[in-house]
Amino acid sequence: MTIGTAHAQFKINSGPDSPLRKLQLAEMAINNLYVDSVDEKRLVEDAIRGMLEKLDPHSSYLTPKEVKAANEPLSGGFEGIGVQFNMIEDTLMVIQPVVNGPSEKAGIVAGDRIVSVNDTAIAGVKMSREDIMKRLRGPKNTKVKLGVIRSGIKDRLTFNVTRDKIPVKTIDAVYMIRPEVGYIRIGSFGATTYDEFMEGMKKLDGQGMKKLVLDLQENGGGYLQAAVQVANEFLRNNDMIVYTDGRQAPRMEYRAKGNGSFTDGQVVVLVDSYTASAAEIVTGAIQDQDRGTVVGRRTYGKGLVQRPLDLPDGSMIRLTTAHYYTPTGRCIQKPYTKGGGKDYAMDMINRLKSGELTNADSVHFADSLKYYTLREHRTVYGGGGIMPDHFVPLDTTKYTKLHRELAARNIIINANLRYIDTHRKELRNTYKSFADFKERFEIPQDVIDGIMKEGEKQNIKPKDDEELNKTTPYLKLQMKALVARDLWDMTEYFAIINETNDIVLKALEIL
C-alpha cells in the first residue's frame, strides 16, 4: 500500500490548527529561511525518523537502498554472477560458485581469485566489499567480463559471465543427525522457505526420518506467511497457529488446514535468545498446541506486526500496527518503553548480566503471566519471548576471550581461506565423501600455531596456558567445520559444529 493511493483510508486533519500543517510550515521555514543551505530530502527523512523513534523499537524508516538490502535475503534471490566469496587480504576469493549458476556455467571454480571486473582492477586497490558487489551484480542477461587468477595457471584467465537470478537459500542445513532423526535448520523465513522446507522434509523422509530436530537458533524471523506454512505441517486441522490484534487492525487468525506432512512424528524445536518474530510464531504454536518440545533459552521477544508503507521515491515506512499472540493468548513482544530504543538494544547484555543465559532460576515470571497449553494444560508464561520447556545454559567457558578476539579480527577465517586455497585439491583427492572426512580429518597443528602467531602480531595472546588449552579444541573443531563448508556446503558445516552444540545435544538426549 502506498501513501498516495491510500490517503482515503486515513483520517487527515487539514484544518488551520492541524499538527500536519504545523509540520509542513516548520519544514518550509527551515528550507527557505535557515542561515545555511539544507538538504530538503534529508530534512524530511530526519523528521520521519524522529517521529518513529518516539514509538516502539521496530517501527522504522528505510531509504530506497535500505529497502532493497532488507528485502533481498527474504525475497528469494538477487541478480548477479552467482558466487560465494570472501576477501583474503584485499583479493576476492571464490569459496564456491552457486550450483548451476552463471559463474559455474562459465567455468569459474572454487579457489579462483577475481581480480578485475570489466577491465577495472578490484584486487590490490583497497576497494570496499560494497563497491565490489555493486560491480559484480547487475540486471539479468547483462554480461560482465571477469579477470581471474587460478592456482597452477601462469596467465590471467578471462571469463564472460551472463548475469542471472541467483537464489538465496533460507534453510542452512538438512541431514540425518542420528538414525531415524532428521535435522533442519531454518536461517530465516523468506519467500522460498516453505518450498525449501518441504524439499528437505521429502529428502529426510526418504532416508527413514521418524523424528525431527527443527533448529531455529539465531533465526531473526521474516515473513509471517512462511512461518504459518511451516507450522501448518505439524498441526492438526483448525489448530490455531497465531493471531494478530491492534488498535486499528482487526483481529486476524491463522489456523492449520489439517494437510500437514508431519503431524505425528516427534518434534523438538531449538531456540536461543536471538530466535525472533516469525521463528517465535512457529515455536509458540508448537509449544501451545503440545505438538513438540522446545529446548534452549528464552527467545528474543519480537511480537510486533509491521505494515510496510511504500513511499513514492522507493523508500518505506515500516509501521507497527498490531501484536502477535500465540494460540494460548500469550503476547510474544517483550516489554519496552516508547522512545527507549537504547535500553531495548541493551536487552541481550542485560540478560547476560542478570544470569538469565546461564541459570534458568534467574528468569522470573509473575503469576499474572501464567498460561496453560491447550491439550496437556502445562504451565507456560507470557511477558515476552518463548521460554523453552527444557532450559540449556550458555556455556561461557567454551568460547574463550582469546577465541572471541581471534574471530573478531578475522584471523580464524583468513587462516581457513589460506588453508583451503593451498590444500583444496589434496583434500578432495583424500576424502571422497563427507562421512570419511568427518571421521578422519583433523586440522594440522601448524595451522593452529599459525593462528596464534598471527594473533601475537596483533597483540592477541592467551592469558595463560589454561586459556590456550581451553581455546584449542573448539578452535580445531571450528576450523574443521569451515573446511567442510568450503569443500561441500553449510549442511556439512553444521553436521560438524552441532556435535558440540549443547542445545542440539539436549534435543538428541530427549529424542
Protein backbone atom coordinates (compact mmCIF):
# COMPACT_ATOMS: atom_id res chain seq x y z
CA MET A 1 0.00 0.00 0.00
CA THR A 2 1.32 3.44 -0.86
CA ILE A 3 0.57 6.65 0.95
CA GLY A 4 -0.58 8.19 -2.33
CA THR A 5 -3.19 5.54 -3.14
CA ALA A 6 -4.32 5.01 0.43
CA HIS A 7 -5.00 8.57 1.54
CA ALA A 8 -8.73 7.89 1.55
CA GLN A 9 -8.19 5.27 4.27
CA PHE A 10 -6.50 7.76 6.60
CA LYS A 11 -8.19 10.37 8.77
CA ILE A 12 -6.38 13.62 7.94
CA ASN A 13 -6.94 16.79 9.92
CA SER A 14 -6.12 19.54 7.40
CA GLY A 15 -7.57 22.47 9.38
CA PRO A 16 -5.54 25.56 10.36
CA ASP A 17 -4.61 24.07 13.73
CA SER A 18 -3.70 20.62 12.41
CA PRO A 19 -0.36 19.09 13.51
CA LEU A 20 0.28 18.14 9.88
CA ARG A 21 0.01 21.76 8.79
CA LYS A 22 2.37 22.73 11.60
CA LEU A 23 4.92 20.20 10.38
CA GLN A 24 4.66 21.50 6.81
CA LEU A 25 5.20 25.10 7.94
CA ALA A 26 8.26 24.09 10.00
CA GLU A 27 9.81 22.28 7.03
CA MET A 28 9.08 25.22 4.69
CA ALA A 29 10.55 27.72 7.14
CA ILE A 30 13.77 25.74 7.65
CA ASN A 31 14.18 25.09 3.93
CA ASN A 32 13.64 28.74 2.94
CA LEU A 33 14.92 30.80 5.87
CA TYR A 34 17.67 28.84 7.64
CA VAL A 35 21.09 30.55 7.69
CA ASP A 36 22.86 27.69 5.85
CA SER A 37 21.70 25.60 2.93
CA VAL A 38 19.91 22.38 3.88
CA ASP A 39 19.22 19.10 2.11
CA GLU A 40 15.42 19.14 1.97
CA LYS A 41 15.18 15.41 1.31
CA ARG A 42 17.42 14.65 4.30
CA LEU A 43 15.42 17.11 6.42
CA VAL A 44 12.18 15.23 5.75
CA GLU A 45 13.82 11.84 6.31
CA ASP A 46 15.18 13.03 9.67
CA ALA A 47 11.70 14.26 10.64
CA ILE A 48 10.16 10.89 9.79
CA ARG A 49 12.85 9.04 11.74
CA GLY A 50 12.34 11.41 14.66
CA MET A 51 8.63 10.62 14.80
CA LEU A 52 9.18 6.88 14.57
CA GLU A 53 11.91 6.86 17.22
CA LYS A 54 9.33 8.04 19.76
CA LEU A 55 7.17 4.98 19.08
CA ASP A 56 8.11 1.30 19.52
CA PRO A 57 11.57 -0.17 18.79
CA HIS A 58 10.52 -1.81 15.49
CA SER A 59 8.72 0.99 13.61
CA SER A 60 11.34 2.31 11.19
CA TYR A 61 12.11 4.30 8.05
CA LEU A 62 14.19 2.79 5.23
CA THR A 63 15.77 4.60 2.28
CA PRO A 64 15.30 3.04 -1.19
CA LYS A 65 18.76 1.47 -0.89
CA GLU A 66 17.95 0.06 2.56
CA VAL A 67 14.62 -1.31 1.29
CA LYS A 68 16.42 -3.28 -1.42
CA ALA A 69 19.05 -4.60 1.00
CA ALA A 70 16.41 -5.61 3.56
CA ASN A 71 14.16 -7.38 1.05
CA GLU A 72 16.85 -9.30 -0.82
CA PRO A 73 17.51 -12.05 1.76
CA LEU A 74 13.77 -12.72 2.11
CA SER A 75 12.61 -12.33 -1.48
CA GLY A 76 14.42 -15.47 -2.57
CA GLY A 77 17.12 -14.05 -4.80
CA PHE A 78 19.02 -11.27 -6.50
CA GLU A 79 20.61 -10.79 -9.92
CA GLY A 80 24.34 -11.30 -10.26
CA ILE A 81 27.14 -13.75 -11.16
CA GLY A 82 26.43 -16.41 -8.50
CA VAL A 83 29.46 -16.97 -6.30
CA GLN A 84 30.04 -17.35 -2.59
CA PHE A 85 33.20 -15.41 -1.85
CA ASN A 86 35.36 -13.98 0.86
CA MET A 87 38.13 -11.39 0.90
CA ILE A 88 41.59 -12.73 1.62
CA GLU A 89 43.72 -9.68 2.35
CA ASP A 90 42.48 -7.39 -0.46
CA THR A 91 41.55 -10.03 -3.06
CA LEU A 92 38.19 -11.67 -3.76
CA MET A 93 38.48 -15.45 -3.49
CA VAL A 94 35.66 -17.69 -4.70
CA ILE A 95 34.65 -20.12 -1.96
CA GLN A 96 32.08 -21.83 -4.16
CA PRO A 97 30.18 -20.96 -7.32
CA VAL A 98 26.40 -21.38 -6.96
CA VAL A 99 25.41 -24.77 -8.40
CA ASN A 100 24.15 -24.31 -11.99
CA GLY A 101 24.67 -20.54 -11.58
CA PRO A 102 26.16 -18.18 -14.17
CA SER A 103 29.74 -18.40 -12.87
CA GLU A 104 29.79 -22.21 -12.69
CA LYS A 105 28.39 -22.41 -16.23
CA ALA A 106 31.12 -20.04 -17.42
CA GLY A 107 33.84 -22.23 -15.87
CA ILE A 108 34.72 -20.43 -12.63
CA VAL A 109 35.73 -22.82 -9.85
CA ALA A 110 36.31 -22.70 -6.09
CA GLY A 111 39.65 -21.09 -5.25
CA ASP A 112 39.63 -18.70 -8.23
CA ARG A 113 40.62 -15.10 -7.46
CA ILE A 114 38.59 -12.46 -9.29
CA VAL A 115 40.98 -9.56 -9.80
CA SER A 116 39.14 -7.40 -12.34
CA VAL A 117 35.59 -6.62 -13.43
CA ASN A 118 35.10 -5.18 -16.94
CA ASP A 119 38.84 -4.37 -17.05
CA THR A 120 38.69 -2.42 -13.76
CA ALA A 121 41.02 -3.80 -11.09
CA ILE A 122 39.29 -4.85 -7.85
CA ALA A 123 42.33 -6.53 -6.24
CA GLY A 124 45.17 -4.64 -4.60
CA VAL A 125 43.30 -1.32 -4.80
CA LYS A 126 41.63 -1.29 -1.34
CA MET A 127 38.14 -1.33 -2.90
CA SER A 128 35.30 -1.78 -0.39
CA ARG A 129 33.31 -5.01 -0.37
CA GLU A 130 30.16 -3.00 -1.17
CA ASP A 131 31.77 -1.46 -4.29
CA ILE A 132 32.97 -4.87 -5.47
CA MET A 133 29.47 -6.36 -5.08
CA LYS A 134 28.00 -3.39 -6.93
CA ARG A 135 30.24 -4.18 -9.92
CA LEU A 136 29.51 -7.91 -9.87
CA ARG A 137 25.74 -7.58 -9.57
CA GLY A 138 23.51 -6.28 -12.32
CA PRO A 139 20.31 -6.94 -14.26
CA LYS A 140 19.60 -10.44 -15.54
CA ASN A 141 21.02 -11.23 -19.02
CA THR A 142 23.66 -8.47 -18.87
CA LYS A 143 27.25 -9.58 -19.40
CA VAL A 144 30.29 -8.93 -17.25
CA LYS A 145 33.95 -9.66 -18.05
CA LEU A 146 35.91 -11.13 -15.15
CA GLY A 147 39.70 -11.31 -14.88
CA VAL A 148 40.65 -14.41 -12.87
CA ILE A 149 43.85 -15.78 -11.40
CA ARG A 150 43.82 -19.55 -10.87
CA SER A 151 46.30 -21.56 -8.84
CA GLY A 152 48.69 -23.51 -11.06
CA ILE A 153 47.99 -21.43 -14.18
CA LYS A 154 50.52 -18.75 -15.06
CA ASP A 155 48.40 -16.44 -17.20
CA ARG A 156 45.37 -14.46 -16.13
CA LEU A 157 42.11 -16.03 -17.33
CA THR A 158 39.14 -14.12 -18.75
CA PHE A 159 35.53 -15.21 -18.32
CA ASN A 160 32.45 -13.59 -19.83
CA VAL A 161 29.59 -14.27 -17.44
CA THR A 162 25.92 -13.61 -18.19
CA ARG A 163 24.23 -12.44 -15.00
CA ASP A 164 21.11 -14.26 -13.87
CA LYS A 165 18.69 -14.56 -10.97
CA ILE A 166 20.61 -16.04 -8.05
CA PRO A 167 18.55 -17.94 -5.47
CA VAL A 168 19.06 -17.04 -1.81
CA LYS A 169 18.50 -20.04 0.44
CA THR A 170 16.85 -19.54 3.81
CA ILE A 171 17.45 -23.08 5.07
CA ASP A 172 21.01 -23.61 6.28
CA ALA A 173 21.17 -27.38 6.77
CA VAL A 174 19.25 -30.61 6.15
CA TYR A 175 20.64 -34.00 7.19
CA MET A 176 20.08 -37.12 9.28
CA ILE A 177 21.70 -36.24 12.58
CA ARG A 178 21.10 -39.72 14.05
CA PRO A 179 19.38 -42.88 12.77
CA GLU A 180 15.67 -42.06 12.30
CA VAL A 181 16.28 -38.45 13.47
CA GLY A 182 16.21 -35.68 10.86
CA TYR A 183 17.62 -32.19 11.34
CA ILE A 184 16.56 -28.99 9.57
CA ARG A 185 17.99 -25.56 10.41
CA ILE A 186 15.99 -22.59 9.14
CA GLY A 187 18.07 -19.40 8.99
CA SER A 188 15.17 -17.03 8.23
CA PHE A 189 11.59 -17.11 6.93
CA GLY A 190 11.51 -15.84 3.35
CA ALA A 191 9.55 -16.26 0.15
CA THR A 192 11.16 -19.62 -0.67
CA THR A 193 11.33 -21.08 2.88
CA TYR A 194 8.27 -23.31 2.64
CA ASP A 195 9.37 -24.89 -0.67
CA GLU A 196 12.89 -25.40 0.70
CA PHE A 197 11.45 -26.88 3.90
CA MET A 198 9.21 -29.33 2.04
CA GLU A 199 12.12 -30.37 -0.19
CA GLY A 200 14.19 -31.01 2.94
CA MET A 201 11.38 -32.98 4.61
CA LYS A 202 10.99 -35.14 1.49
CA LYS A 203 14.72 -35.85 1.46
CA LEU A 204 14.76 -36.82 5.16
CA ASP A 205 11.61 -38.91 4.80
CA GLY A 206 13.36 -40.87 2.05
CA GLN A 207 16.24 -41.51 4.48
CA GLY A 208 13.97 -43.00 7.14
CA MET A 209 13.19 -39.99 9.34
CA LYS A 210 10.71 -40.66 12.16
CA LYS A 211 11.65 -37.75 14.46
CA LEU A 212 12.73 -34.19 13.70
CA VAL A 213 15.01 -31.58 15.23
CA LEU A 214 13.80 -28.18 13.95
CA ASP A 215 16.62 -25.71 14.63
CA LEU A 216 15.53 -22.06 14.89
CA GLN A 217 18.58 -20.81 16.80
CA GLU A 218 19.63 -17.31 15.64
CA ASN A 219 16.62 -17.16 13.29
CA GLY A 220 15.64 -13.49 13.29
CA GLY A 221 12.27 -14.07 11.63
CA GLY A 222 10.93 -12.83 8.29
CA TYR A 223 7.62 -13.38 6.56
CA LEU A 224 4.56 -14.28 8.65
CA GLN A 225 3.09 -16.37 5.85
CA ALA A 226 6.22 -18.54 5.61
CA ALA A 227 6.06 -19.19 9.36
CA VAL A 228 2.37 -20.13 9.14
CA GLN A 229 3.08 -22.53 6.24
CA VAL A 230 5.87 -24.30 8.14
CA ALA A 231 3.83 -24.53 11.38
CA ASN A 232 0.91 -25.96 9.40
CA GLU A 233 2.98 -29.05 8.57
CA PHE A 234 2.99 -30.10 12.25
CA LEU A 235 -0.51 -29.21 13.47
CA ARG A 236 -4.00 -30.70 13.27
CA ASN A 237 -6.92 -29.27 11.37
CA ASN A 238 -8.14 -25.93 12.74
CA ASP A 239 -5.36 -25.67 15.34
CA MET A 240 -4.56 -22.03 15.98
CA ILE A 241 -1.07 -21.05 14.81
CA VAL A 242 -1.04 -17.34 15.67
CA TYR A 243 -3.34 -14.35 15.75
CA THR A 244 -2.71 -10.62 15.44
CA ASP A 245 -4.62 -7.76 17.02
CA GLY A 246 -4.17 -3.98 17.12
CA ARG A 247 -5.92 -0.68 17.83
CA GLN A 248 -6.93 -0.11 14.20
CA ALA A 249 -6.04 -3.56 12.83
CA PRO A 250 -8.87 -6.10 13.29
CA ARG A 251 -8.04 -9.47 14.82
CA MET A 252 -6.64 -11.88 12.23
CA GLU A 253 -6.42 -15.61 12.97
CA TYR A 254 -4.15 -18.11 11.22
CA ARG A 255 -5.12 -21.76 11.64
CA ALA A 256 -3.79 -25.11 10.43
CA LYS A 257 -5.52 -26.70 7.46
CA GLY A 258 -5.05 -30.31 8.56
CA ASN A 259 -2.99 -31.27 5.50
CA GLY A 260 0.44 -31.25 7.18
CA SER A 261 3.11 -33.77 6.25
CA PHE A 262 4.44 -34.39 9.80
CA THR A 263 1.51 -34.27 12.17
CA ASP A 264 2.50 -37.36 14.20
CA GLY A 265 6.29 -37.67 14.40
CA GLN A 266 8.16 -36.42 17.48
CA VAL A 267 9.45 -32.82 17.14
CA VAL A 268 11.98 -30.85 19.16
CA VAL A 269 12.35 -27.11 18.40
CA LEU A 270 15.68 -25.44 19.21
CA VAL A 271 15.74 -21.76 20.19
CA ASP A 272 18.04 -19.19 21.75
CA SER A 273 17.93 -15.51 22.68
CA TYR A 274 18.27 -14.49 19.00
CA THR A 275 15.25 -16.52 17.86
CA ALA A 276 12.72 -13.83 16.96
CA SER A 277 9.46 -12.84 15.27
CA ALA A 278 8.33 -15.42 12.69
CA ALA A 279 10.53 -18.05 14.35
CA GLU A 280 8.77 -17.33 17.66
CA ILE A 281 5.40 -17.81 15.94
CA VAL A 282 6.36 -21.37 14.91
CA THR A 283 7.85 -22.09 18.36
CA GLY A 284 4.83 -20.71 20.24
CA ALA A 285 2.36 -22.63 18.10
CA ILE A 286 4.15 -25.97 18.56
CA GLN A 287 4.51 -25.39 22.32
CA ASP A 288 0.97 -24.12 22.98
CA GLN A 289 -0.58 -26.94 20.96
CA ASP A 290 1.56 -29.52 22.84
CA ARG A 291 2.85 -30.70 19.48
CA GLY A 292 6.54 -30.75 20.38
CA THR A 293 9.21 -29.89 22.92
CA VAL A 294 11.08 -26.57 22.94
CA VAL A 295 14.75 -26.66 24.00
CA GLY A 296 17.25 -23.85 24.55
CA ARG A 297 16.98 -20.37 26.06
CA ARG A 298 14.23 -17.74 26.19
CA THR A 299 13.65 -16.27 22.73
CA TYR A 300 14.11 -12.62 21.77
CA GLY A 301 10.51 -11.42 22.22
CA LYS A 302 9.72 -9.62 18.95
CA GLY A 303 5.95 -9.76 18.62
CA LEU A 304 5.06 -6.54 16.83
CA VAL A 305 3.50 -6.61 13.37
CA GLN A 306 4.93 -4.08 10.90
CA ARG A 307 2.87 -2.87 7.95
CA PRO A 308 5.05 -1.67 5.05
CA LEU A 309 4.04 1.73 3.67
CA ASP A 310 5.77 2.37 0.34
CA LEU A 311 6.65 5.99 -0.38
CA PRO A 312 6.83 7.45 -3.92
CA ASP A 313 10.65 7.59 -4.08
CA GLY A 314 11.06 3.88 -3.24
CA SER A 315 11.63 4.45 0.45
CA MET A 316 9.44 2.78 3.04
CA ILE A 317 7.95 3.23 6.50
CA ARG A 318 7.54 0.03 8.48
CA LEU A 319 4.83 0.96 10.95
CA THR A 320 3.79 -1.27 13.84
CA THR A 321 0.03 -1.87 13.62
CA ALA A 322 -0.62 -4.96 15.78
CA HIS A 323 0.77 -7.57 18.20
CA TYR A 324 1.39 -11.27 17.62
CA TYR A 325 -0.27 -13.68 20.07
CA THR A 326 0.39 -17.40 20.49
CA PRO A 327 -2.58 -19.83 20.49
CA THR A 328 -2.98 -19.57 24.29
CA GLY A 329 -3.13 -15.77 24.04
CA ARG A 330 0.44 -15.01 25.10
CA CYS A 331 1.85 -11.79 23.70
CA ILE A 332 5.24 -12.58 22.16
CA GLN A 333 6.52 -8.98 22.45
CA LYS A 334 8.82 -8.26 25.39
CA PRO A 335 8.18 -5.04 27.37
CA TYR A 336 9.53 -1.75 26.02
CA THR A 337 9.30 1.97 26.73
CA LYS A 338 8.21 4.19 23.85
CA GLY A 339 11.25 6.07 22.65
CA GLY A 340 13.52 3.86 24.76
CA GLY A 341 15.43 2.34 21.88
CA LYS A 342 18.81 2.34 23.63
CA ASP A 343 17.54 0.43 26.66
CA TYR A 344 15.79 -2.03 24.35
CA ALA A 345 19.01 -2.61 22.42
CA MET A 346 20.82 -3.45 25.67
CA ASP A 347 18.43 -6.30 26.48
CA MET A 348 20.82 -9.09 25.46
CA ILE A 349 23.64 -7.66 27.57
CA ASN A 350 21.25 -7.25 30.49
CA ARG A 351 20.16 -10.89 30.15
CA LEU A 352 23.79 -11.98 30.38
CA LYS A 353 24.49 -9.74 33.38
CA SER A 354 21.38 -10.92 35.20
CA GLY A 355 22.42 -14.55 34.83
CA GLU A 356 19.41 -15.45 32.68
CA LEU A 357 21.52 -17.04 29.95
CA THR A 358 23.39 -19.28 32.37
CA ASN A 359 20.76 -20.07 35.02
CA ALA A 360 17.06 -20.85 34.46
CA ASP A 361 16.21 -19.69 38.01
CA SER A 362 17.26 -16.15 37.03
CA VAL A 363 14.19 -15.87 34.78
CA HIS A 364 11.27 -14.66 36.91
CA PHE A 365 7.66 -14.63 35.73
CA ALA A 366 4.71 -13.08 37.56
CA ASP A 367 1.69 -15.31 38.22
CA SER A 368 -0.36 -12.90 36.12
CA LEU A 369 1.67 -14.05 33.09
CA LYS A 370 0.80 -17.73 33.61
CA TYR A 371 -0.95 -19.58 30.76
CA TYR A 372 -1.76 -23.25 30.10
CA THR A 373 -1.09 -25.25 26.96
CA LEU A 374 -4.19 -26.28 25.06
CA ARG A 375 -4.03 -30.09 25.24
CA GLU A 376 -1.88 -31.12 28.20
CA HIS A 377 -2.51 -27.95 30.24
CA ARG A 378 1.19 -27.46 31.04
CA THR A 379 2.20 -24.10 32.52
CA VAL A 380 3.80 -21.62 30.12
CA TYR A 381 4.46 -17.92 30.59
CA GLY A 382 3.82 -14.74 28.64
CA GLY A 383 5.57 -11.44 29.12
CA GLY A 384 7.88 -11.56 26.14
CA GLY A 385 9.57 -14.32 24.18
CA ILE A 386 9.02 -18.07 24.46
CA MET A 387 10.52 -19.81 27.49
CA PRO A 388 11.66 -23.31 26.45
CA ASP A 389 10.39 -26.50 28.08
CA HIS A 390 14.00 -27.52 28.69
CA PHE A 391 16.47 -24.74 29.53
CA VAL A 392 20.07 -25.19 28.34
CA PRO A 393 22.53 -22.78 29.97
CA LEU A 394 25.03 -20.85 27.88
CA ASP A 395 28.50 -22.34 28.38
CA THR A 396 30.64 -19.23 28.76
CA THR A 397 33.83 -21.29 29.15
CA LYS A 398 33.69 -22.98 25.73
CA TYR A 399 34.19 -19.78 23.71
CA THR A 400 37.11 -18.08 25.43
CA LYS A 401 38.09 -14.41 25.33
CA LEU A 402 41.11 -15.40 23.22
CA HIS A 403 38.85 -17.17 20.71
CA ARG A 404 36.48 -14.19 20.53
CA GLU A 405 39.34 -11.77 19.83
CA LEU A 406 40.88 -14.01 17.16
CA ALA A 407 37.49 -14.27 15.46
CA ALA A 408 36.75 -10.53 15.71
CA ARG A 409 39.99 -9.70 13.86
CA ASN A 410 39.16 -12.23 11.08
CA ILE A 411 42.31 -14.19 11.93
CA ILE A 412 40.44 -17.52 12.01
CA ILE A 413 38.53 -17.02 8.76
CA ASN A 414 41.66 -15.82 6.94
CA ALA A 415 43.61 -18.85 8.16
CA ASN A 416 40.83 -21.08 6.86
CA LEU A 417 40.84 -19.37 3.46
CA ARG A 418 44.61 -19.75 3.13
CA TYR A 419 44.50 -23.40 4.18
CA ILE A 420 41.68 -24.39 1.83
CA ASP A 421 43.28 -22.44 -1.02
CA THR A 422 46.53 -24.37 -0.65
CA HIS A 423 45.10 -27.83 0.07
CA ARG A 424 41.77 -27.95 -1.79
CA LYS A 425 42.90 -30.42 -4.48
CA GLU A 426 44.70 -32.62 -1.97
CA LEU A 427 41.68 -32.71 0.35
CA ARG A 428 39.27 -33.59 -2.47
CA ASN A 429 41.54 -36.46 -3.55
CA THR A 430 41.96 -37.74 0.02
CA TYR A 431 38.35 -37.55 1.19
CA LYS A 432 35.93 -38.84 -1.41
CA SER A 433 32.94 -38.49 0.91
CA PHE A 434 31.91 -36.20 3.74
CA ALA A 435 31.42 -39.19 6.06
CA ASP A 436 35.07 -40.14 5.56
CA PHE A 437 36.16 -36.52 6.10
CA LYS A 438 34.11 -36.18 9.28
CA GLU A 439 35.56 -39.36 10.73
CA ARG A 440 39.25 -38.94 9.81
CA PHE A 441 40.14 -35.29 9.17
CA GLU A 442 41.88 -33.18 11.79
CA ILE A 443 43.18 -29.68 11.23
CA PRO A 444 47.01 -29.76 11.35
CA GLN A 445 48.58 -28.29 14.48
CA ASP A 446 50.78 -25.98 12.40
CA VAL A 447 47.58 -24.20 11.20
CA ILE A 448 46.56 -23.58 14.82
CA ASP A 449 50.11 -22.43 15.62
CA GLY A 450 49.92 -20.03 12.66
CA ILE A 451 46.66 -18.56 14.01
CA MET A 452 48.27 -17.99 17.41
CA LYS A 453 51.34 -16.36 15.81
CA GLU A 454 49.16 -14.02 13.78
CA GLY A 455 47.26 -13.21 16.96
CA GLU A 456 50.51 -12.31 18.73
CA LYS A 457 51.40 -9.92 15.89
CA GLN A 458 48.10 -8.13 16.62
CA ASN A 459 48.72 -8.24 20.38
CA ILE A 460 46.20 -11.03 20.99
CA LYS A 461 47.69 -13.55 23.39
CA PRO A 462 46.34 -16.22 25.74
CA LYS A 463 46.15 -15.08 29.35
CA ASP A 464 47.84 -18.32 30.42
CA ASP A 465 48.28 -21.95 29.38
CA GLU A 466 44.85 -22.80 30.75
CA GLU A 467 43.11 -20.38 28.36
CA LEU A 468 45.20 -21.68 25.45
CA ASN A 469 44.29 -25.29 26.30
CA LYS A 470 40.59 -24.37 26.55
CA THR A 471 40.66 -22.50 23.25
CA THR A 472 42.46 -25.08 21.09
CA PRO A 473 39.88 -27.94 20.92
CA TYR A 474 36.95 -25.72 19.91
CA LEU A 475 39.16 -23.76 17.51
CA LYS A 476 40.18 -27.01 15.81
CA LEU A 477 36.54 -28.07 15.55
CA GLN A 478 35.54 -24.69 14.09
CA MET A 479 38.34 -24.87 11.51
CA LYS A 480 37.30 -28.42 10.56
CA ALA A 481 33.70 -27.24 10.11
CA LEU A 482 34.83 -24.29 7.94
CA VAL A 483 36.92 -26.60 5.74
CA ALA A 484 33.90 -28.91 5.37
CA ARG A 485 31.74 -25.91 4.38
CA ASP A 486 34.22 -24.89 1.70
CA LEU A 487 34.54 -28.43 0.30
CA TRP A 488 30.79 -29.14 0.45
CA ASP A 489 28.19 -26.73 1.89
CA MET A 490 26.58 -25.34 5.06
CA THR A 491 24.89 -28.65 5.84
CA GLU A 492 28.30 -30.23 6.34
CA TYR A 493 29.42 -27.26 8.45
CA PHE A 494 26.53 -27.80 10.87
CA ALA A 495 26.96 -31.58 10.80
CA ILE A 496 30.34 -30.99 12.46
CA ILE A 497 29.67 -27.96 14.66
CA ASN A 498 26.41 -29.40 16.04
CA GLU A 499 28.27 -32.24 17.73
CA THR A 500 29.39 -29.76 20.41
CA ASN A 501 26.25 -27.58 20.49
CA ASP A 502 24.71 -28.12 23.94
CA ILE A 503 21.20 -27.24 22.76
CA VAL A 504 21.39 -29.76 19.90
CA LEU A 505 22.81 -32.45 22.20
CA LYS A 506 19.99 -31.88 24.71
CA ALA A 507 17.44 -32.33 21.92
CA LEU A 508 19.04 -35.62 20.92
CA GLU A 509 19.01 -36.76 24.55
CA ILE A 510 15.24 -36.02 24.71
CA LEU A 511 14.60 -37.86 21.45
